[in-house]
Amino acid sequence: MTSWQIVRIVAGCFILLSLTLGIPSSPFFVNEWWLGFTAFVGINLLQSGISKWCLMESILRKLGVPSGI
């Protein structure tokens, strides 16, 4: 797997998890503040798309994961 694939998989998992924990009709509902985490992930995805820089991707590359460019 390449670093950009891992970043997108992790982001997707974070979004689904935070929606599961933040939507009141979910059987795993904890608190509506989890929806703020969804917004945080979305803002980071937007920022990385505009600036072409992602902190998690940089960390993965330093750990030896191929970039896949």
PDB file of N, CA and C in Angstrom:
ATOM      1  N   MET A   1       0.832  -1.188   0.000  1.00  0.00           N
ATOM      2  CA  MET A   1       0.000   0.000   0.000  1.00  0.00           C
ATOM      3  C   MET A   1       0.870   1.241   0.000  1.00  0.00           C
ATOM      4  N   THR A   2       0.370   2.266  -0.627  1.00  0.00           N
ATOM      5  CA  THR A   2       1.115   3.517  -0.666  1.00  0.00           C
ATOM      6  C   THR A   2       0.591   4.477   0.403  1.00  0.00           C
ATOM      7  N   SER A   3       1.380   5.519   0.679  1.00  0.00           N
ATOM      8  CA  SER A   3       1.021   6.453   1.748  1.00  0.00           C
ATOM      9  C   SER A   3      -0.297   7.157   1.472  1.00  0.00           C
ATOM     10  N   TRP A   4      -0.562   7.528   0.208  1.00  0.00           N
ATOM     11  CA  TRP A   4      -1.816   8.241  -0.063  1.00  0.00           C
ATOM     12  C   TRP A   4      -3.026   7.332   0.115  1.00  0.00           C
ATOM     13  N   GLN A   5      -2.864   6.036  -0.144  1.00  0.00           N
ATOM     14  CA  GLN A   5      -3.966   5.102   0.073  1.00  0.00           C
ATOM     15  C   GLN A   5      -4.247   4.948   1.569  1.00  0.00           C
ATOM     16  N   ILE A   6      -3.193   4.844   2.365  1.00  0.00           N
ATOM     17  CA  ILE A   6      -3.353   4.693   3.815  1.00  0.00           C
ATOM     18  C   ILE A   6      -4.021   5.931   4.404  1.00  0.00           C
ATOM     19  N   VAL A   7      -3.614   7.121   3.956  1.00  0.00           N
ATOM     20  CA  VAL A   7      -4.212   8.363   4.461  1.00  0.00           C
ATOM     21  C   VAL A   7      -5.708   8.371   4.182  1.00  0.00           C
ATOM     22  N   ARG A   8      -6.115   7.999   3.000  1.00  0.00           N
ATOM     23  CA  ARG A   8      -7.528   8.021   2.653  1.00  0.00           C
ATOM     24  C   ARG A   8      -8.330   6.952   3.399  1.00  0.00           C
ATOM     25  N   ILE A   9      -7.742   5.790   3.607  1.00  0.00           N
ATOM     26  CA  ILE A   9      -8.414   4.734   4.366  1.00  0.00           C
ATOM     27  C   ILE A   9      -8.613   5.170   5.811  1.00  0.00           C
ATOM     28  N   VAL A  10      -7.564   5.736   6.420  1.00  0.00           N
ATOM     29  CA  VAL A  10      -7.659   6.197   7.808  1.00  0.00           C
ATOM     30  C   VAL A  10      -8.680   7.324   7.926  1.00  0.00           C
ATOM     31  N   ALA A  11      -8.656   8.280   6.985  1.00  0.00           N
ATOM     32  CA  ALA A  11      -9.617   9.387   7.018  1.00  0.00           C
ATOM     33  C   ALA A  11     -11.043   8.858   6.903  1.00  0.00           C
ATOM     34  N   GLY A  12     -11.268   7.923   5.995  1.00  0.00           N
ATOM     35  CA  GLY A  12     -12.600   7.339   5.846  1.00  0.00           C
ATOM     36  C   GLY A  12     -13.061   6.624   7.108  1.00  0.00           C
ATOM     37  N   CYS A  13     -12.161   5.881   7.731  1.00  0.00           N
ATOM     38  CA  CYS A  13     -12.498   5.189   8.989  1.00  0.00           C
ATOM     39  C   CYS A  13     -12.810   6.177  10.103  1.00  0.00           C
ATOM     40  N   PHE A  14     -12.016   7.261  10.202  1.00  0.00           N
ATOM     41  CA  PHE A  14     -12.271   8.283  11.222  1.00  0.00           C
ATOM     42  C   PHE A  14     -13.630   8.941  11.014  1.00  0.00           C
ATOM     43  N   ILE A  15     -13.976   9.241   9.767  1.00  0.00           N
ATOM     44  CA  ILE A  15     -15.260   9.878   9.487  1.00  0.00           C
ATOM     45  C   ILE A  15     -16.412   8.943   9.855  1.00  0.00           C
ATOM     46  N   LEU A  16     -16.327   7.686   9.432  1.00  0.00           N
ATOM     47  CA  LEU A  16     -17.396   6.740   9.748  1.00  0.00           C
ATOM     48  C   LEU A  16     -17.517   6.508  11.256  1.00  0.00           C
ATOM     49  N   LEU A  17     -16.381   6.404  11.948  1.00  0.00           N
ATOM     50  CA  LEU A  17     -16.410   6.205  13.393  1.00  0.00           C
ATOM     51  C   LEU A  17     -17.029   7.399  14.106  1.00  0.00           C
ATOM     52  N   SER A  18     -16.611   8.619  13.728  1.00  0.00           N
ATOM     53  CA  SER A  18     -17.141   9.798  14.407  1.00  0.00           C
ATOM     54  C   SER A  18     -18.620  10.006  14.098  1.00  0.00           C
ATOM     55  N   LEU A  19     -19.078   9.654  12.906  1.00  0.00           N
ATOM     56  CA  LEU A  19     -20.506   9.717  12.610  1.00  0.00           C
ATOM     57  C   LEU A  19     -21.276   8.698  13.442  1.00  0.00           C
ATOM     58  N   THR A  20     -20.709   7.503  13.577  1.00  0.00           N
ATOM     59  CA  THR A  20     -21.354   6.466  14.384  1.00  0.00           C
ATOM     60  C   THR A  20     -21.492   6.906  15.839  1.00  0.00           C
ATOM     61  N   LEU A  21     -20.482   7.593  16.352  1.00  0.00           N
ATOM     62  CA  LEU A  21     -20.515   8.024  17.753  1.00  0.00           C
ATOM     63  C   LEU A  21     -21.260   9.344  17.954  1.00  0.00           C
ATOM     64  N   GLY A  22     -21.500  10.113  16.877  1.00  0.00           N
ATOM     65  CA  GLY A  22     -22.077  11.437  17.035  1.00  0.00           C
ATOM     66  C   GLY A  22     -23.505  11.625  16.585  1.00  0.00           C
ATOM     67  N   ILE A  23     -24.057  10.676  15.841  1.00  0.00           N
ATOM     68  CA  ILE A  23     -25.439  10.810  15.375  1.00  0.00           C
ATOM     69  C   ILE A  23     -26.380  10.194  16.409  1.00  0.00           C
ATOM     70  N   PRO A  24     -27.325  10.981  16.923  1.00  0.00           N
ATOM     71  CA  PRO A  24     -28.207  10.488  17.999  1.00  0.00           C
ATOM     72  C   PRO A  24     -28.985   9.213  17.663  1.00  0.00           C
ATOM     73  N   SER A  25     -29.286   8.968  16.407  1.00  0.00           N
ATOM     74  CA  SER A  25     -30.055   7.766  16.072  1.00  0.00           C
ATOM     75  C   SER A  25     -29.185   6.510  15.971  1.00  0.00           C
ATOM     76  N   SER A  26     -27.869   6.662  16.124  1.00  0.00           N
ATOM     77  CA  SER A  26     -26.968   5.522  16.061  1.00  0.00           C
ATOM     78  C   SER A  26     -27.064   4.689  17.340  1.00  0.00           C
ATOM     79  N   PRO A  27     -26.978   3.368  17.208  1.00  0.00           N
ATOM     80  CA  PRO A  27     -26.998   2.536  18.428  1.00  0.00           C
ATOM     81  C   PRO A  27     -25.736   2.706  19.278  1.00  0.00           C
ATOM     82  N   PHE A  28     -24.682   3.306  18.724  1.00  0.00           N
ATOM     83  CA  PHE A  28     -23.431   3.513  19.455  1.00  0.00           C
ATOM     84  C   PHE A  28     -23.235   4.974  19.838  1.00  0.00           C
ATOM     85  N   PHE A  29     -24.316   5.753  19.834  1.00  0.00           N
ATOM     86  CA  PHE A  29     -24.245   7.184  20.122  1.00  0.00           C
ATOM     87  C   PHE A  29     -23.604   7.438  21.483  1.00  0.00           C
ATOM     88  N   VAL A  30     -22.655   8.394  21.505  1.00  0.00           N
ATOM     89  CA  VAL A  30     -22.008   8.809  22.742  1.00  0.00           C
ATOM     90  C   VAL A  30     -22.335  10.269  23.028  1.00  0.00           C
ATOM     91  N   ASN A  31     -22.017  11.131  22.055  1.00  0.00           N
ATOM     92  CA  ASN A  31     -22.195  12.559  22.245  1.00  0.00           C
ATOM     93  C   ASN A  31     -22.178  13.230  20.873  1.00  0.00           C
ATOM     94  N   GLU A  32     -22.964  14.300  20.715  1.00  0.00           N
ATOM     95  CA  GLU A  32     -23.003  15.011  19.435  1.00  0.00           C
ATOM     96  C   GLU A  32     -21.692  15.725  19.116  1.00  0.00           C
ATOM     97  N   TRP A  33     -20.841  15.925  20.112  1.00  0.00           N
ATOM     98  CA  TRP A  33     -19.563  16.594  19.874  1.00  0.00           C
ATOM     99  C   TRP A  33     -18.635  15.777  18.989  1.00  0.00           C
ATOM    100  N   TRP A  34     -18.906  14.500  18.813  1.00  0.00           N
ATOM    101  CA  TRP A  34     -18.109  13.675  17.889  1.00  0.00           C
ATOM    102  C   TRP A  34     -18.224  14.168  16.454  1.00  0.00           C
ATOM    103  N   LEU A  35     -19.297  14.872  16.140  1.00  0.00           N
ATOM    104  CA  LEU A  35     -19.456  15.422  14.795  1.00  0.00           C
ATOM    105  C   LEU A  35     -18.413  16.496  14.510  1.00  0.00           C
ATOM    106  N   GLY A  36     -17.880  17.125  15.547  1.00  0.00           N
ATOM    107  CA  GLY A  36     -16.779  18.077  15.379  1.00  0.00           C
ATOM    108  C   GLY A  36     -15.535  17.383  14.832  1.00  0.00           C
ATOM    109  N   PHE A  37     -15.319  16.144  15.226  1.00  0.00           N
ATOM    110  CA  PHE A  37     -14.181  15.379  14.704  1.00  0.00           C
ATOM    111  C   PHE A  37     -14.364  15.105  13.223  1.00  0.00           C
ATOM    112  N   THR A  38     -15.607  14.846  12.816  1.00  0.00           N
ATOM    113  CA  THR A  38     -15.903  14.660  11.395  1.00  0.00           C
ATOM    114  C   THR A  38     -15.519  15.914  10.620  1.00  0.00           C
ATOM    115  N   ALA A  39     -15.895  17.073  11.143  1.00  0.00           N
ATOM    116  CA  ALA A  39     -15.553  18.346  10.496  1.00  0.00           C
ATOM    117  C   ALA A  39     -14.041  18.550  10.455  1.00  0.00           C
ATOM    118  N   PHE A  40     -13.347  18.200  11.516  1.00  0.00           N
ATOM    119  CA  PHE A  40     -11.893  18.331  11.573  1.00  0.00           C
ATOM    120  C   PHE A  40     -11.214  17.505  10.482  1.00  0.00           C
ATOM    121  N   VAL A  41     -11.652  16.269  10.308  1.00  0.00           N
ATOM    122  CA  VAL A  41     -11.081  15.409   9.270  1.00  0.00           C
ATOM    123  C   VAL A  41     -11.380  15.986   7.889  1.00  0.00           C
ATOM    124  N   GLY A  42     -12.597  16.449   7.693  1.00  0.00           N
ATOM    125  CA  GLY A  42     -12.962  17.039   6.409  1.00  0.00           C
ATOM    126  C   GLY A  42     -12.144  18.279   6.087  1.00  0.00           C
ATOM    127  N   ILE A  43     -11.921  19.132   7.079  1.00  0.00           N
ATOM    128  CA  ILE A  43     -11.104  20.335   6.881  1.00  0.00           C
ATOM    129  C   ILE A  43      -9.671  19.959   6.539  1.00  0.00           C
ATOM    130  N   ASN A  44      -9.139  18.936   7.199  1.00  0.00           N
ATOM    131  CA  ASN A  44      -7.778  18.495   6.893  1.00  0.00           C
ATOM    132  C   ASN A  44      -7.673  17.913   5.487  1.00  0.00           C
ATOM    133  N   LEU A  45      -8.681  17.182   5.046  1.00  0.00           N
ATOM    134  CA  LEU A  45      -8.677  16.658   3.681  1.00  0.00           C
ATOM    135  C   LEU A  45      -8.731  17.797   2.667  1.00  0.00           C
ATOM    136  N   LEU A  46      -9.553  18.802   2.947  1.00  0.00           N
ATOM    137  CA  LEU A  46      -9.634  19.972   2.073  1.00  0.00           C
ATOM    138  C   LEU A  46      -8.295  20.703   2.020  1.00  0.00           C
ATOM    139  N   GLN A  47      -7.685  20.915   3.180  1.00  0.00           N
ATOM    140  CA  GLN A  47      -6.394  21.597   3.251  1.00  0.00           C
ATOM    141  C   GLN A  47      -5.328  20.836   2.488  1.00  0.00           C
ATOM    142  N   SER A  48      -5.290  19.518   2.619  1.00  0.00           N
ATOM    143  CA  SER A  48      -4.252  18.748   1.924  1.00  0.00           C
ATOM    144  C   SER A  48      -4.484  18.731   0.416  1.00  0.00           C
ATOM    145  N   GLY A  49      -5.737  18.801   0.003  1.00  0.00           N
ATOM    146  CA  GLY A  49      -6.030  18.859  -1.417  1.00  0.00           C
ATOM    147  C   GLY A  49      -5.610  20.179  -2.038  1.00  0.00           C
ATOM    148  N   ILE A  50      -5.747  21.258  -1.281  1.00  0.00           N
ATOM    149  CA  ILE A  50      -5.381  22.578  -1.787  1.00  0.00           C
ATOM    150  C   ILE A  50      -3.873  22.801  -1.727  1.00  0.00           C
ATOM    151  N   SER A  51      -3.267  22.463  -0.587  1.00  0.00           N
ATOM    152  CA  SER A  51      -1.836  22.750  -0.391  1.00  0.00           C
ATOM    153  C   SER A  51      -0.925  21.633  -0.894  1.00  0.00           C
ATOM    154  N   LYS A  52      -1.492  20.454  -1.187  1.00  0.00           N
ATOM    155  CA  LYS A  52      -0.722  19.282  -1.607  1.00  0.00           C
ATOM    156  C   LYS A  52       0.290  18.838  -0.551  1.00  0.00           C
ATOM    157  N   TRP A  53      -0.048  19.070   0.731  1.00  0.00           N
ATOM    158  CA  TRP A  53       0.786  18.634   1.843  1.00  0.00           C
ATOM    159  C   TRP A  53      -0.105  18.043   2.925  1.00  0.00           C
ATOM    160  N   CYS A  54       0.295  16.887   3.445  1.00  0.00           N
ATOM    161  CA  CYS A  54      -0.459  16.211   4.494  1.00  0.00           C
ATOM    162  C   CYS A  54       0.534  15.699   5.538  1.00  0.00           C
ATOM    163  N   LEU A  55       0.319  16.075   6.788  1.00  0.00           N
ATOM    164  CA  LEU A  55       1.230  15.677   7.866  1.00  0.00           C
ATOM    165  C   LEU A  55       1.297  14.159   8.005  1.00  0.00           C
ATOM    166  N   MET A  56       0.153  13.494   7.961  1.00  0.00           N
ATOM    167  CA  MET A  56       0.160  12.041   8.123  1.00  0.00           C
ATOM    168  C   MET A  56       0.925  11.360   6.995  1.00  0.00           C
ATOM    169  N   GLU A  57       0.787  11.868   5.779  1.00  0.00           N
ATOM    170  CA  GLU A  57       1.522  11.287   4.656  1.00  0.00           C
ATOM    171  C   GLU A  57       3.024  11.493   4.831  1.00  0.00           C
ATOM    172  N   SER A  58       3.427  12.642   5.352  1.00  0.00           N
ATOM    173  CA  SER A  58       4.848  12.891   5.614  1.00  0.00           C
ATOM    174  C   SER A  58       5.387  11.921   6.663  1.00  0.00           C
ATOM    175  N   ILE A  59       4.596  11.676   7.688  1.00  0.00           N
ATOM    176  CA  ILE A  59       5.010  10.741   8.748  1.00  0.00           C
ATOM    177  C   ILE A  59       5.125   9.329   8.181  1.00  0.00           C
ATOM    178  N   LEU A  60       4.158   8.925   7.372  1.00  0.00           N
ATOM    179  CA  LEU A  60       4.199   7.581   6.781  1.00  0.00           C
ATOM    180  C   LEU A  60       5.417   7.407   5.883  1.00  0.00           C
ATOM    181  N   ARG A  61       5.761   8.428   5.130  1.00  0.00           N
ATOM    182  CA  ARG A  61       6.949   8.340   4.263  1.00  0.00           C
ATOM    183  C   ARG A  61       8.217   8.187   5.090  1.00  0.00           C
ATOM    184  N   LYS A  62       8.299   8.909   6.226  1.00  0.00           N
ATOM    185  CA  LYS A  62       9.480   8.773   7.097  1.00  0.00           C
ATOM    186  C   LYS A  62       9.567   7.384   7.718  1.00  0.00           C
ATOM    187  N   LEU A  63       8.411   6.735   7.847  1.00  0.00           N
ATOM    188  CA  LEU A  63       8.390   5.372   8.368  1.00  0.00           C
ATOM    189  C   LEU A  63       8.696   4.336   7.292  1.00  0.00           C
ATOM    190  N   GLY A  64       8.906   4.801   6.058  1.00  0.00           N
ATOM    191  CA  GLY A  64       9.302   3.906   4.992  1.00  0.00           C
ATOM    192  C   GLY A  64       8.200   3.439   4.067  1.00  0.00           C
ATOM    193  N   VAL A  65       6.991   3.995   4.221  1.00  0.00           N
ATOM    194  CA  VAL A  65       5.905   3.623   3.329  1.00  0.00           C
ATOM    195  C   VAL A  65       6.106   4.332   1.993  1.00  0.00           C
ATOM    196  N   PRO A  66       6.014   3.621   0.866  1.00  0.00           N
ATOM    197  CA  PRO A  66       6.231   4.276  -0.434  1.00  0.00           C
ATOM    198  C   PRO A  66       5.138   5.298  -0.735  1.00  0.00           C
ATOM    199  N   SER A  67       5.527   6.368  -1.442  1.00  0.00           N
ATOM    200  CA  SER A  67       4.599   7.472  -1.708  1.00  0.00           C
ATOM    201  C   SER A  67       3.571   7.135  -2.777  1.00  0.00           C
ATOM    202  N   GLY A  68       3.912   6.360  -3.761  1.00  0.00           N
ATOM    203  CA  GLY A  68       2.975   5.971  -4.802  1.00  0.00           C
ATOM    204  C   GLY A  68       2.697   7.042  -5.824  1.00  0.00           C
ATOM    205  N   ILE A  69       3.593   7.981  -5.976  1.00  0.00           N
ATOM    206  CA  ILE A  69       3.397   9.079  -6.945  1.00  0.00           C
ATOM    207  C   ILE A  69       3.601   8.577  -8.348  1.00  0.00           C
TER     208      ILE A  69
END
